mmCIF file of all heavy atoms, coordinates in Angstrom:
data_MODEL
# 
_entry.id   MODEL 
# 
loop_
_atom_site.group_PDB 
_atom_site.id 
_atom_site.type_symbol 
_atom_site.label_atom_id 
_atom_site.label_alt_id 
_atom_site.label_comp_id 
_atom_site.label_asym_id 
_atom_site.label_entity_id 
_atom_site.label_seq_id 
_atom_site.pdbx_PDB_ins_code 
_atom_site.Cartn_x 
_atom_site.Cartn_y 
_atom_site.Cartn_z 
_atom_site.occupancy 
_atom_site.B_iso_or_equiv 
_atom_site.pdbx_formal_charge 
_atom_site.auth_seq_id 
_atom_site.auth_comp_id 
_atom_site.auth_asym_id 
_atom_site.auth_atom_id 
_atom_site.pdbx_PDB_model_num 
ATOM 1   N N   . ALA A 1 1  ? 2.686  -9.682  -14.463 1.00 0.00 ? 1  ALA A N   1 
ATOM 2   C CA  . ALA A 1 1  ? 3.828  -9.371  -13.547 1.00 0.00 ? 1  ALA A CA  1 
ATOM 3   C C   . ALA A 1 1  ? 5.117  -10.137 -14.040 1.00 0.00 ? 1  ALA A C   1 
ATOM 4   O O   . ALA A 1 1  ? 6.189  -9.677  -13.816 1.00 0.00 ? 1  ALA A O   1 
ATOM 5   C CB  . ALA A 1 1  ? 3.521  -9.826  -12.140 1.00 0.00 ? 1  ALA A CB  1 
ATOM 6   N N   . SER A 1 2  ? 4.913  -11.332 -14.632 1.00 0.00 ? 2  SER A N   1 
ATOM 7   C CA  . SER A 1 2  ? 6.099  -12.070 -15.093 1.00 0.00 ? 2  SER A CA  1 
ATOM 8   C C   . SER A 1 2  ? 6.810  -11.511 -16.225 1.00 0.00 ? 2  SER A C   1 
ATOM 9   O O   . SER A 1 2  ? 7.979  -11.855 -16.527 1.00 0.00 ? 2  SER A O   1 
ATOM 10  C CB  . SER A 1 2  ? 5.679  -13.532 -15.339 1.00 0.00 ? 2  SER A CB  1 
ATOM 11  O OG  . SER A 1 2  ? 4.972  -13.622 -16.551 1.00 0.00 ? 2  SER A OG  1 
ATOM 12  N N   . LEU A 1 3  ? 6.095  -10.606 -16.910 1.00 0.00 ? 3  LEU A N   1 
ATOM 13  C CA  . LEU A 1 3  ? 6.680  -9.985  -18.147 1.00 0.00 ? 3  LEU A CA  1 
ATOM 14  C C   . LEU A 1 3  ? 7.352  -8.667  -17.931 1.00 0.00 ? 3  LEU A C   1 
ATOM 15  O O   . LEU A 1 3  ? 8.147  -8.250  -18.763 1.00 0.00 ? 3  LEU A O   1 
ATOM 16  C CB  . LEU A 1 3  ? 5.495  -9.740  -19.155 1.00 0.00 ? 3  LEU A CB  1 
ATOM 17  C CG  . LEU A 1 3  ? 4.633  -10.887 -19.517 1.00 0.00 ? 3  LEU A CG  1 
ATOM 18  C CD1 . LEU A 1 3  ? 3.450  -10.440 -20.329 1.00 0.00 ? 3  LEU A CD1 1 
ATOM 19  C CD2 . LEU A 1 3  ? 5.473  -11.912 -20.343 1.00 0.00 ? 3  LEU A CD2 1 
ATOM 20  N N   . VAL A 1 4  ? 7.203  -8.081  -16.693 1.00 0.00 ? 4  VAL A N   1 
ATOM 21  C CA  . VAL A 1 4  ? 7.704  -6.720  -16.442 1.00 0.00 ? 4  VAL A CA  1 
ATOM 22  C C   . VAL A 1 4  ? 8.893  -6.810  -15.533 1.00 0.00 ? 4  VAL A C   1 
ATOM 23  O O   . VAL A 1 4  ? 9.084  -7.756  -14.727 1.00 0.00 ? 4  VAL A O   1 
ATOM 24  C CB  . VAL A 1 4  ? 6.657  -5.809  -15.893 1.00 0.00 ? 4  VAL A CB  1 
ATOM 25  C CG1 . VAL A 1 4  ? 5.453  -5.684  -16.983 1.00 0.00 ? 4  VAL A CG1 1 
ATOM 26  C CG2 . VAL A 1 4  ? 6.097  -6.245  -14.522 1.00 0.00 ? 4  VAL A CG2 1 
ATOM 27  N N   . SER A 1 5  ? 9.783  -5.769  -15.650 1.00 0.00 ? 5  SER A N   1 
ATOM 28  C CA  . SER A 1 5  ? 10.890 -5.702  -14.642 1.00 0.00 ? 5  SER A CA  1 
ATOM 29  C C   . SER A 1 5  ? 10.325 -5.333  -13.285 1.00 0.00 ? 5  SER A C   1 
ATOM 30  O O   . SER A 1 5  ? 9.254  -4.784  -13.146 1.00 0.00 ? 5  SER A O   1 
ATOM 31  C CB  . SER A 1 5  ? 11.890 -4.663  -15.171 1.00 0.00 ? 5  SER A CB  1 
ATOM 32  O OG  . SER A 1 5  ? 11.287 -3.351  -15.248 1.00 0.00 ? 5  SER A OG  1 
ATOM 33  N N   . ASP A 1 6  ? 11.232 -5.416  -12.241 1.00 0.00 ? 6  ASP A N   1 
ATOM 34  C CA  . ASP A 1 6  ? 10.817 -5.192  -10.840 1.00 0.00 ? 6  ASP A CA  1 
ATOM 35  C C   . ASP A 1 6  ? 10.527 -3.682  -10.719 1.00 0.00 ? 6  ASP A C   1 
ATOM 36  O O   . ASP A 1 6  ? 9.782  -3.269  -9.903  1.00 0.00 ? 6  ASP A O   1 
ATOM 37  C CB  . ASP A 1 6  ? 11.925 -5.484  -9.948  1.00 0.00 ? 6  ASP A CB  1 
ATOM 38  C CG  . ASP A 1 6  ? 12.160 -7.035  -9.783  1.00 0.00 ? 6  ASP A CG  1 
ATOM 39  O OD1 . ASP A 1 6  ? 11.078 -7.788  -10.099 1.00 0.00 ? 6  ASP A OD1 1 
ATOM 40  O OD2 . ASP A 1 6  ? 13.114 -7.503  -9.393  1.00 0.00 ? 6  ASP A OD2 1 
ATOM 41  N N   . ASP A 1 7  ? 11.183 -2.842  -11.571 1.00 0.00 ? 7  ASP A N   1 
ATOM 42  C CA  . ASP A 1 7  ? 11.039 -1.381  -11.402 1.00 0.00 ? 7  ASP A CA  1 
ATOM 43  C C   . ASP A 1 7  ? 10.182 -0.791  -12.627 1.00 0.00 ? 7  ASP A C   1 
ATOM 44  O O   . ASP A 1 7  ? 10.353 0.347   -12.966 1.00 0.00 ? 7  ASP A O   1 
ATOM 45  C CB  . ASP A 1 7  ? 12.391 -0.673  -11.353 1.00 0.00 ? 7  ASP A CB  1 
ATOM 46  C CG  . ASP A 1 7  ? 13.239 -0.881  -12.566 1.00 0.00 ? 7  ASP A CG  1 
ATOM 47  O OD1 . ASP A 1 7  ? 12.914 -1.829  -13.371 1.00 0.00 ? 7  ASP A OD1 1 
ATOM 48  O OD2 . ASP A 1 7  ? 14.199 -0.177  -12.763 1.00 0.00 ? 7  ASP A OD2 1 
ATOM 49  N N   . VAL A 1 8  ? 9.398  -1.605  -13.227 1.00 0.00 ? 8  VAL A N   1 
ATOM 50  C CA  . VAL A 1 8  ? 8.626  -1.161  -14.349 1.00 0.00 ? 8  VAL A CA  1 
ATOM 51  C C   . VAL A 1 8  ? 7.873  0.133   -14.008 1.00 0.00 ? 8  VAL A C   1 
ATOM 52  O O   . VAL A 1 8  ? 7.461  0.349   -12.999 1.00 0.00 ? 8  VAL A O   1 
ATOM 53  C CB  . VAL A 1 8  ? 7.638  -2.301  -14.826 1.00 0.00 ? 8  VAL A CB  1 
ATOM 54  C CG1 . VAL A 1 8  ? 6.614  -2.555  -13.809 1.00 0.00 ? 8  VAL A CG1 1 
ATOM 55  C CG2 . VAL A 1 8  ? 6.938  -1.919  -16.181 1.00 0.00 ? 8  VAL A CG2 1 
ATOM 56  N N   . GLU A 1 9  ? 7.681  0.945   -15.093 1.00 0.00 ? 9  GLU A N   1 
ATOM 57  C CA  . GLU A 1 9  ? 6.916  2.231   -14.940 1.00 0.00 ? 9  GLU A CA  1 
ATOM 58  C C   . GLU A 1 9  ? 5.759  2.147   -15.868 1.00 0.00 ? 9  GLU A C   1 
ATOM 59  O O   . GLU A 1 9  ? 5.791  1.888   -17.073 1.00 0.00 ? 9  GLU A O   1 
ATOM 60  C CB  . GLU A 1 9  ? 7.788  3.383   -15.342 1.00 0.00 ? 9  GLU A CB  1 
ATOM 61  C CG  . GLU A 1 9  ? 7.018  4.726   -15.200 1.00 0.00 ? 9  GLU A CG  1 
ATOM 62  C CD  . GLU A 1 9  ? 7.818  5.894   -15.730 1.00 0.00 ? 9  GLU A CD  1 
ATOM 63  O OE1 . GLU A 1 9  ? 8.898  5.778   -16.191 1.00 0.00 ? 9  GLU A OE1 1 
ATOM 64  O OE2 . GLU A 1 9  ? 7.254  6.971   -15.482 1.00 0.00 ? 9  GLU A OE2 1 
ATOM 65  N N   . PHE A 1 10 ? 4.520  2.311   -15.322 1.00 0.00 ? 10 PHE A N   1 
ATOM 66  C CA  . PHE A 1 10 ? 3.343  2.338   -16.136 1.00 0.00 ? 10 PHE A CA  1 
ATOM 67  C C   . PHE A 1 10 ? 2.960  3.848   -16.139 1.00 0.00 ? 10 PHE A C   1 
ATOM 68  O O   . PHE A 1 10 ? 2.477  4.397   -15.203 1.00 0.00 ? 10 PHE A O   1 
ATOM 69  C CB  . PHE A 1 10 ? 2.166  1.589   -15.453 1.00 0.00 ? 10 PHE A CB  1 
ATOM 70  C CG  . PHE A 1 10 ? 2.352  0.054   -15.370 1.00 0.00 ? 10 PHE A CG  1 
ATOM 71  C CD1 . PHE A 1 10 ? 2.842  -0.509  -14.220 1.00 0.00 ? 10 PHE A CD1 1 
ATOM 72  C CD2 . PHE A 1 10 ? 2.133  -0.716  -16.512 1.00 0.00 ? 10 PHE A CD2 1 
ATOM 73  C CE1 . PHE A 1 10 ? 3.159  -1.909  -14.211 1.00 0.00 ? 10 PHE A CE1 1 
ATOM 74  C CE2 . PHE A 1 10 ? 2.309  -2.104  -16.387 1.00 0.00 ? 10 PHE A CE2 1 
ATOM 75  C CZ  . PHE A 1 10 ? 2.816  -2.661  -15.295 1.00 0.00 ? 10 PHE A CZ  1 
ATOM 76  N N   . ARG A 1 11 ? 3.307  4.431   -17.270 1.00 0.00 ? 11 ARG A N   1 
ATOM 77  C CA  . ARG A 1 11 ? 3.171  5.855   -17.453 1.00 0.00 ? 11 ARG A CA  1 
ATOM 78  C C   . ARG A 1 11 ? 1.665  6.225   -17.658 1.00 0.00 ? 11 ARG A C   1 
ATOM 79  O O   . ARG A 1 11 ? 1.026  5.629   -18.414 1.00 0.00 ? 11 ARG A O   1 
ATOM 80  C CB  . ARG A 1 11 ? 3.958  6.385   -18.591 1.00 0.00 ? 11 ARG A CB  1 
ATOM 81  C CG  . ARG A 1 11 ? 5.419  6.332   -18.264 1.00 0.00 ? 11 ARG A CG  1 
ATOM 82  C CD  . ARG A 1 11 ? 6.252  7.014   -19.395 1.00 0.00 ? 11 ARG A CD  1 
ATOM 83  N NE  . ARG A 1 11 ? 7.623  6.874   -19.101 1.00 0.00 ? 11 ARG A NE  1 
ATOM 84  C CZ  . ARG A 1 11 ? 8.603  6.736   -19.975 1.00 0.00 ? 11 ARG A CZ  1 
ATOM 85  N NH1 . ARG A 1 11 ? 8.272  6.729   -21.307 1.00 0.00 ? 11 ARG A NH1 1 
ATOM 86  N NH2 . ARG A 1 11 ? 9.907  6.586   -19.561 1.00 0.00 ? 11 ARG A NH2 1 
ATOM 87  N N   . ASN A 1 12 ? 1.158  7.218   -17.012 1.00 0.00 ? 12 ASN A N   1 
ATOM 88  C CA  . ASN A 1 12 ? -0.194 7.752   -17.094 1.00 0.00 ? 12 ASN A CA  1 
ATOM 89  C C   . ASN A 1 12 ? -0.154 8.916   -18.120 1.00 0.00 ? 12 ASN A C   1 
ATOM 90  O O   . ASN A 1 12 ? 0.254  10.050  -17.749 1.00 0.00 ? 12 ASN A O   1 
ATOM 91  C CB  . ASN A 1 12 ? -0.680 8.230   -15.731 1.00 0.00 ? 12 ASN A CB  1 
ATOM 92  C CG  . ASN A 1 12 ? -2.119 8.564   -15.756 1.00 0.00 ? 12 ASN A CG  1 
ATOM 93  O OD1 . ASN A 1 12 ? -2.645 8.973   -16.735 1.00 0.00 ? 12 ASN A OD1 1 
ATOM 94  N ND2 . ASN A 1 12 ? -2.757 8.475   -14.584 1.00 0.00 ? 12 ASN A ND2 1 
ATOM 95  N N   . GLN A 1 13 ? -0.711 8.678   -19.268 1.00 0.00 ? 13 GLN A N   1 
ATOM 96  C CA  . GLN A 1 13 ? -0.795 9.687   -20.338 1.00 0.00 ? 13 GLN A CA  1 
ATOM 97  C C   . GLN A 1 13 ? -1.952 10.716  -20.109 1.00 0.00 ? 13 GLN A C   1 
ATOM 98  O O   . GLN A 1 13 ? -1.948 11.726  -20.731 1.00 0.00 ? 13 GLN A O   1 
ATOM 99  C CB  . GLN A 1 13 ? -0.974 9.061   -21.728 1.00 0.00 ? 13 GLN A CB  1 
ATOM 100 C CG  . GLN A 1 13 ? 0.167  8.109   -22.122 1.00 0.00 ? 13 GLN A CG  1 
ATOM 101 C CD  . GLN A 1 13 ? 1.499  8.903   -22.274 1.00 0.00 ? 13 GLN A CD  1 
ATOM 102 O OE1 . GLN A 1 13 ? 1.519  10.016  -22.717 1.00 0.00 ? 13 GLN A OE1 1 
ATOM 103 N NE2 . GLN A 1 13 ? 2.540  8.267   -21.801 1.00 0.00 ? 13 GLN A NE2 1 
ATOM 104 N N   . ALA A 1 14 ? -2.758 10.444  -19.128 1.00 0.00 ? 14 ALA A N   1 
ATOM 105 C CA  . ALA A 1 14 ? -3.852 11.320  -18.857 1.00 0.00 ? 14 ALA A CA  1 
ATOM 106 C C   . ALA A 1 14 ? -3.451 12.435  -17.834 1.00 0.00 ? 14 ALA A C   1 
ATOM 107 O O   . ALA A 1 14 ? -4.259 13.285  -17.503 1.00 0.00 ? 14 ALA A O   1 
ATOM 108 C CB  . ALA A 1 14 ? -5.006 10.602  -18.232 1.00 0.00 ? 14 ALA A CB  1 
ATOM 109 N N   . GLY A 1 15 ? -2.196 12.449  -17.483 1.00 0.00 ? 15 GLY A N   1 
ATOM 110 C CA  . GLY A 1 15 ? -1.662 13.483  -16.654 1.00 0.00 ? 15 GLY A CA  1 
ATOM 111 C C   . GLY A 1 15 ? -1.528 13.152  -15.188 1.00 0.00 ? 15 GLY A C   1 
ATOM 112 O O   . GLY A 1 15 ? -0.966 13.914  -14.402 1.00 0.00 ? 15 GLY A O   1 
ATOM 113 N N   . GLY A 1 16 ? -1.965 11.987  -14.757 1.00 0.00 ? 16 GLY A N   1 
ATOM 114 C CA  . GLY A 1 16 ? -1.803 11.562  -13.363 1.00 0.00 ? 16 GLY A CA  1 
ATOM 115 C C   . GLY A 1 16 ? -0.442 11.004  -13.157 1.00 0.00 ? 16 GLY A C   1 
ATOM 116 O O   . GLY A 1 16 ? 0.463  10.956  -14.062 1.00 0.00 ? 16 GLY A O   1 
ATOM 117 N N   . ARG A 1 17 ? -0.226 10.581  -11.895 1.00 0.00 ? 17 ARG A N   1 
ATOM 118 C CA  . ARG A 1 17 ? 1.104  10.020  -11.684 1.00 0.00 ? 17 ARG A CA  1 
ATOM 119 C C   . ARG A 1 17 ? 1.267  8.642   -12.172 1.00 0.00 ? 17 ARG A C   1 
ATOM 120 O O   . ARG A 1 17 ? 0.296  7.907   -12.325 1.00 0.00 ? 17 ARG A O   1 
ATOM 121 C CB  . ARG A 1 17 ? 1.413  10.035  -10.178 1.00 0.00 ? 17 ARG A CB  1 
ATOM 122 C CG  . ARG A 1 17 ? 0.589  9.064   -9.366  1.00 0.00 ? 17 ARG A CG  1 
ATOM 123 C CD  . ARG A 1 17 ? 1.023  9.205   -7.876  1.00 0.00 ? 17 ARG A CD  1 
ATOM 124 N NE  . ARG A 1 17 ? 0.132  8.300   -7.108  1.00 0.00 ? 17 ARG A NE  1 
ATOM 125 C CZ  . ARG A 1 17 ? 0.585  7.073   -6.784  1.00 0.00 ? 17 ARG A CZ  1 
ATOM 126 N NH1 . ARG A 1 17 ? 1.756  6.723   -7.010  1.00 0.00 ? 17 ARG A NH1 1 
ATOM 127 N NH2 . ARG A 1 17 ? -0.255 6.264   -6.047  1.00 0.00 ? 17 ARG A NH2 1 
ATOM 128 N N   . SER A 1 18 ? 2.489  8.322   -12.531 1.00 0.00 ? 18 SER A N   1 
ATOM 129 C CA  . SER A 1 18 ? 2.776  6.917   -13.045 1.00 0.00 ? 18 SER A CA  1 
ATOM 130 C C   . SER A 1 18 ? 2.747  5.940   -11.875 1.00 0.00 ? 18 SER A C   1 
ATOM 131 O O   . SER A 1 18 ? 3.009  6.243   -10.741 1.00 0.00 ? 18 SER A O   1 
ATOM 132 C CB  . SER A 1 18 ? 4.191  6.965   -13.661 1.00 0.00 ? 18 SER A CB  1 
ATOM 133 O OG  . SER A 1 18 ? 4.334  7.757   -14.780 1.00 0.00 ? 18 SER A OG  1 
ATOM 134 N N   . LEU A 1 19 ? 2.451  4.697   -12.243 1.00 0.00 ? 19 LEU A N   1 
ATOM 135 C CA  . LEU A 1 19 ? 2.560  3.554   -11.323 1.00 0.00 ? 19 LEU A CA  1 
ATOM 136 C C   . LEU A 1 19 ? 3.870  2.857   -11.567 1.00 0.00 ? 19 LEU A C   1 
ATOM 137 O O   . LEU A 1 19 ? 4.427  2.828   -12.652 1.00 0.00 ? 19 LEU A O   1 
ATOM 138 C CB  . LEU A 1 19 ? 1.350  2.551   -11.578 1.00 0.00 ? 19 LEU A CB  1 
ATOM 139 C CG  . LEU A 1 19 ? -0.022 3.184   -11.466 1.00 0.00 ? 19 LEU A CG  1 
ATOM 140 C CD1 . LEU A 1 19 ? -0.971 2.105   -11.904 1.00 0.00 ? 19 LEU A CD1 1 
ATOM 141 C CD2 . LEU A 1 19 ? -0.273 3.659   -10.094 1.00 0.00 ? 19 LEU A CD2 1 
ATOM 142 N N   . ARG A 1 20 ? 4.501  2.423   -10.467 1.00 0.00 ? 20 ARG A N   1 
ATOM 143 C CA  . ARG A 1 20 ? 5.821  1.725   -10.587 1.00 0.00 ? 20 ARG A CA  1 
ATOM 144 C C   . ARG A 1 20 ? 5.810  0.395   -9.898  1.00 0.00 ? 20 ARG A C   1 
ATOM 145 O O   . ARG A 1 20 ? 5.070  0.188   -8.894  1.00 0.00 ? 20 ARG A O   1 
ATOM 146 C CB  . ARG A 1 20 ? 6.843  2.603   -9.959  1.00 0.00 ? 20 ARG A CB  1 
ATOM 147 C CG  . ARG A 1 20 ? 7.016  3.881   -10.694 1.00 0.00 ? 20 ARG A CG  1 
ATOM 148 C CD  . ARG A 1 20 ? 8.252  4.615   -10.194 1.00 0.00 ? 20 ARG A CD  1 
ATOM 149 N NE  . ARG A 1 20 ? 8.501  5.867   -10.888 1.00 0.00 ? 20 ARG A NE  1 
ATOM 150 C CZ  . ARG A 1 20 ? 9.151  5.952   -12.053 1.00 0.00 ? 20 ARG A CZ  1 
ATOM 151 N NH1 . ARG A 1 20 ? 9.742  4.841   -12.630 1.00 0.00 ? 20 ARG A NH1 1 
ATOM 152 N NH2 . ARG A 1 20 ? 9.358  7.019   -12.689 1.00 0.00 ? 20 ARG A NH2 1 
ATOM 153 N N   . GLY A 1 21 ? 6.594  -0.511  -10.394 1.00 0.00 ? 21 GLY A N   1 
ATOM 154 C CA  . GLY A 1 21 ? 6.840  -1.732  -9.785  1.00 0.00 ? 21 GLY A CA  1 
ATOM 155 C C   . GLY A 1 21 ? 5.823  -2.880  -10.143 1.00 0.00 ? 21 GLY A C   1 
ATOM 156 O O   . GLY A 1 21 ? 4.829  -2.542  -10.733 1.00 0.00 ? 21 GLY A O   1 
ATOM 157 N N   . ARG A 1 22 ? 6.116  -4.086  -9.930  1.00 0.00 ? 22 ARG A N   1 
ATOM 158 C CA  . ARG A 1 22 ? 5.266  -5.188  -10.275 1.00 0.00 ? 22 ARG A CA  1 
ATOM 159 C C   . ARG A 1 22 ? 3.859  -5.156  -9.639  1.00 0.00 ? 22 ARG A C   1 
ATOM 160 O O   . ARG A 1 22 ? 2.968  -5.519  -10.258 1.00 0.00 ? 22 ARG A O   1 
ATOM 161 C CB  . ARG A 1 22 ? 5.957  -6.519  -10.041 1.00 0.00 ? 22 ARG A CB  1 
ATOM 162 C CG  . ARG A 1 22 ? 7.082  -6.826  -10.909 1.00 0.00 ? 22 ARG A CG  1 
ATOM 163 C CD  . ARG A 1 22 ? 7.651  -8.147  -10.622 1.00 0.00 ? 22 ARG A CD  1 
ATOM 164 N NE  . ARG A 1 22 ? 8.784  -8.386  -11.505 1.00 0.00 ? 22 ARG A NE  1 
ATOM 165 C CZ  . ARG A 1 22 ? 9.127  -9.575  -11.941 1.00 0.00 ? 22 ARG A CZ  1 
ATOM 166 N NH1 . ARG A 1 22 ? 8.468  -10.580 -11.634 1.00 0.00 ? 22 ARG A NH1 1 
ATOM 167 N NH2 . ARG A 1 22 ? 10.217 -9.702  -12.703 1.00 0.00 ? 22 ARG A NH2 1 
ATOM 168 N N   . SER A 1 23 ? 3.839  -4.545  -8.469  1.00 0.00 ? 23 SER A N   1 
ATOM 169 C CA  . SER A 1 23 ? 2.558  -4.400  -7.832  1.00 0.00 ? 23 SER A CA  1 
ATOM 170 C C   . SER A 1 23 ? 1.562  -3.596  -8.608  1.00 0.00 ? 23 SER A C   1 
ATOM 171 O O   . SER A 1 23 ? 0.333  -3.662  -8.428  1.00 0.00 ? 23 SER A O   1 
ATOM 172 C CB  . SER A 1 23 ? 2.674  -3.903  -6.406  1.00 0.00 ? 23 SER A CB  1 
ATOM 173 O OG  . SER A 1 23 ? 3.202  -2.572  -6.381  1.00 0.00 ? 23 SER A OG  1 
ATOM 174 N N   . ALA A 1 24 ? 2.148  -2.672  -9.455  1.00 0.00 ? 24 ALA A N   1 
ATOM 175 C CA  . ALA A 1 24 ? 1.263  -1.835  -10.198 1.00 0.00 ? 24 ALA A CA  1 
ATOM 176 C C   . ALA A 1 24 ? 0.517  -2.644  -11.286 1.00 0.00 ? 24 ALA A C   1 
ATOM 177 O O   . ALA A 1 24 ? -0.546 -2.159  -11.758 1.00 0.00 ? 24 ALA A O   1 
ATOM 178 C CB  . ALA A 1 24 ? 2.090  -0.758  -10.982 1.00 0.00 ? 24 ALA A CB  1 
ATOM 179 N N   . ALA A 1 25 ? 0.968  -3.825  -11.524 1.00 0.00 ? 25 ALA A N   1 
ATOM 180 C CA  . ALA A 1 25 ? 0.218  -4.761  -12.530 1.00 0.00 ? 25 ALA A CA  1 
ATOM 181 C C   . ALA A 1 25 ? -1.187 -5.016  -12.002 1.00 0.00 ? 25 ALA A C   1 
ATOM 182 O O   . ALA A 1 25 ? -2.180 -5.074  -12.814 1.00 0.00 ? 25 ALA A O   1 
ATOM 183 C CB  . ALA A 1 25 ? 0.934  -6.011  -12.726 1.00 0.00 ? 25 ALA A CB  1 
ATOM 184 N N   . GLU A 1 26 ? -1.304 -5.240  -10.683 1.00 0.00 ? 26 GLU A N   1 
ATOM 185 C CA  . GLU A 1 26 ? -2.664 -5.434  -10.154 1.00 0.00 ? 26 GLU A CA  1 
ATOM 186 C C   . GLU A 1 26 ? -3.563 -4.240  -10.386 1.00 0.00 ? 26 GLU A C   1 
ATOM 187 O O   . GLU A 1 26 ? -4.743 -4.445  -10.674 1.00 0.00 ? 26 GLU A O   1 
ATOM 188 C CB  . GLU A 1 26 ? -2.583 -5.711  -8.649  1.00 0.00 ? 26 GLU A CB  1 
ATOM 189 C CG  . GLU A 1 26 ? -1.988 -7.033  -8.288  1.00 0.00 ? 26 GLU A CG  1 
ATOM 190 C CD  . GLU A 1 26 ? -1.996 -7.242  -6.774  1.00 0.00 ? 26 GLU A CD  1 
ATOM 191 O OE1 . GLU A 1 26 ? -2.975 -6.868  -6.091  1.00 0.00 ? 26 GLU A OE1 1 
ATOM 192 O OE2 . GLU A 1 26 ? -0.991 -7.928  -6.299  1.00 0.00 ? 26 GLU A OE2 1 
ATOM 193 N N   . ARG A 1 27 ? -3.070 -3.079  -10.192 1.00 0.00 ? 27 ARG A N   1 
ATOM 194 C CA  . ARG A 1 27 ? -3.828 -1.923  -10.389 1.00 0.00 ? 27 ARG A CA  1 
ATOM 195 C C   . ARG A 1 27 ? -4.304 -1.679  -11.906 1.00 0.00 ? 27 ARG A C   1 
ATOM 196 O O   . ARG A 1 27 ? -5.424 -1.272  -12.145 1.00 0.00 ? 27 ARG A O   1 
ATOM 197 C CB  . ARG A 1 27 ? -3.172 -0.606  -9.873  1.00 0.00 ? 27 ARG A CB  1 
ATOM 198 C CG  . ARG A 1 27 ? -2.935 -0.700  -8.363  1.00 0.00 ? 27 ARG A CG  1 
ATOM 199 C CD  . ARG A 1 27 ? -2.221 0.413   -7.743  1.00 0.00 ? 27 ARG A CD  1 
ATOM 200 N NE  . ARG A 1 27 ? -2.880 1.703   -7.851  1.00 0.00 ? 27 ARG A NE  1 
ATOM 201 C CZ  . ARG A 1 27 ? -2.400 2.821   -7.597  1.00 0.00 ? 27 ARG A CZ  1 
ATOM 202 N NH1 . ARG A 1 27 ? -1.182 2.877   -7.079  1.00 0.00 ? 27 ARG A NH1 1 
ATOM 203 N NH2 . ARG A 1 27 ? -3.098 3.953   -7.604  1.00 0.00 ? 27 ARG A NH2 1 
ATOM 204 N N   . LEU A 1 28 ? -3.277 -1.996  -12.726 1.00 0.00 ? 28 LEU A N   1 
ATOM 205 C CA  . LEU A 1 28 ? -3.624 -1.985  -14.213 1.00 0.00 ? 28 LEU A CA  1 
ATOM 206 C C   . LEU A 1 28 ? -4.729 -2.944  -14.546 1.00 0.00 ? 28 LEU A C   1 
ATOM 207 O O   . LEU A 1 28 ? -5.655 -2.641  -15.324 1.00 0.00 ? 28 LEU A O   1 
ATOM 208 C CB  . LEU A 1 28 ? -2.362 -2.161  -15.020 1.00 0.00 ? 28 LEU A CB  1 
ATOM 209 C CG  . LEU A 1 28 ? -2.458 -2.012  -16.473 1.00 0.00 ? 28 LEU A CG  1 
ATOM 210 C CD1 . LEU A 1 28 ? -2.714 -0.576  -16.842 1.00 0.00 ? 28 LEU A CD1 1 
ATOM 211 C CD2 . LEU A 1 28 ? -1.126 -2.486  -17.212 1.00 0.00 ? 28 LEU A CD2 1 
# 
């Protein structure tokens, strides 16, 4: 979380929706 911007986008290349924000780091 300390490495990413507040509005970071974790793009899903498998076709699902992208995750956004630092809270997405937990899911990753």
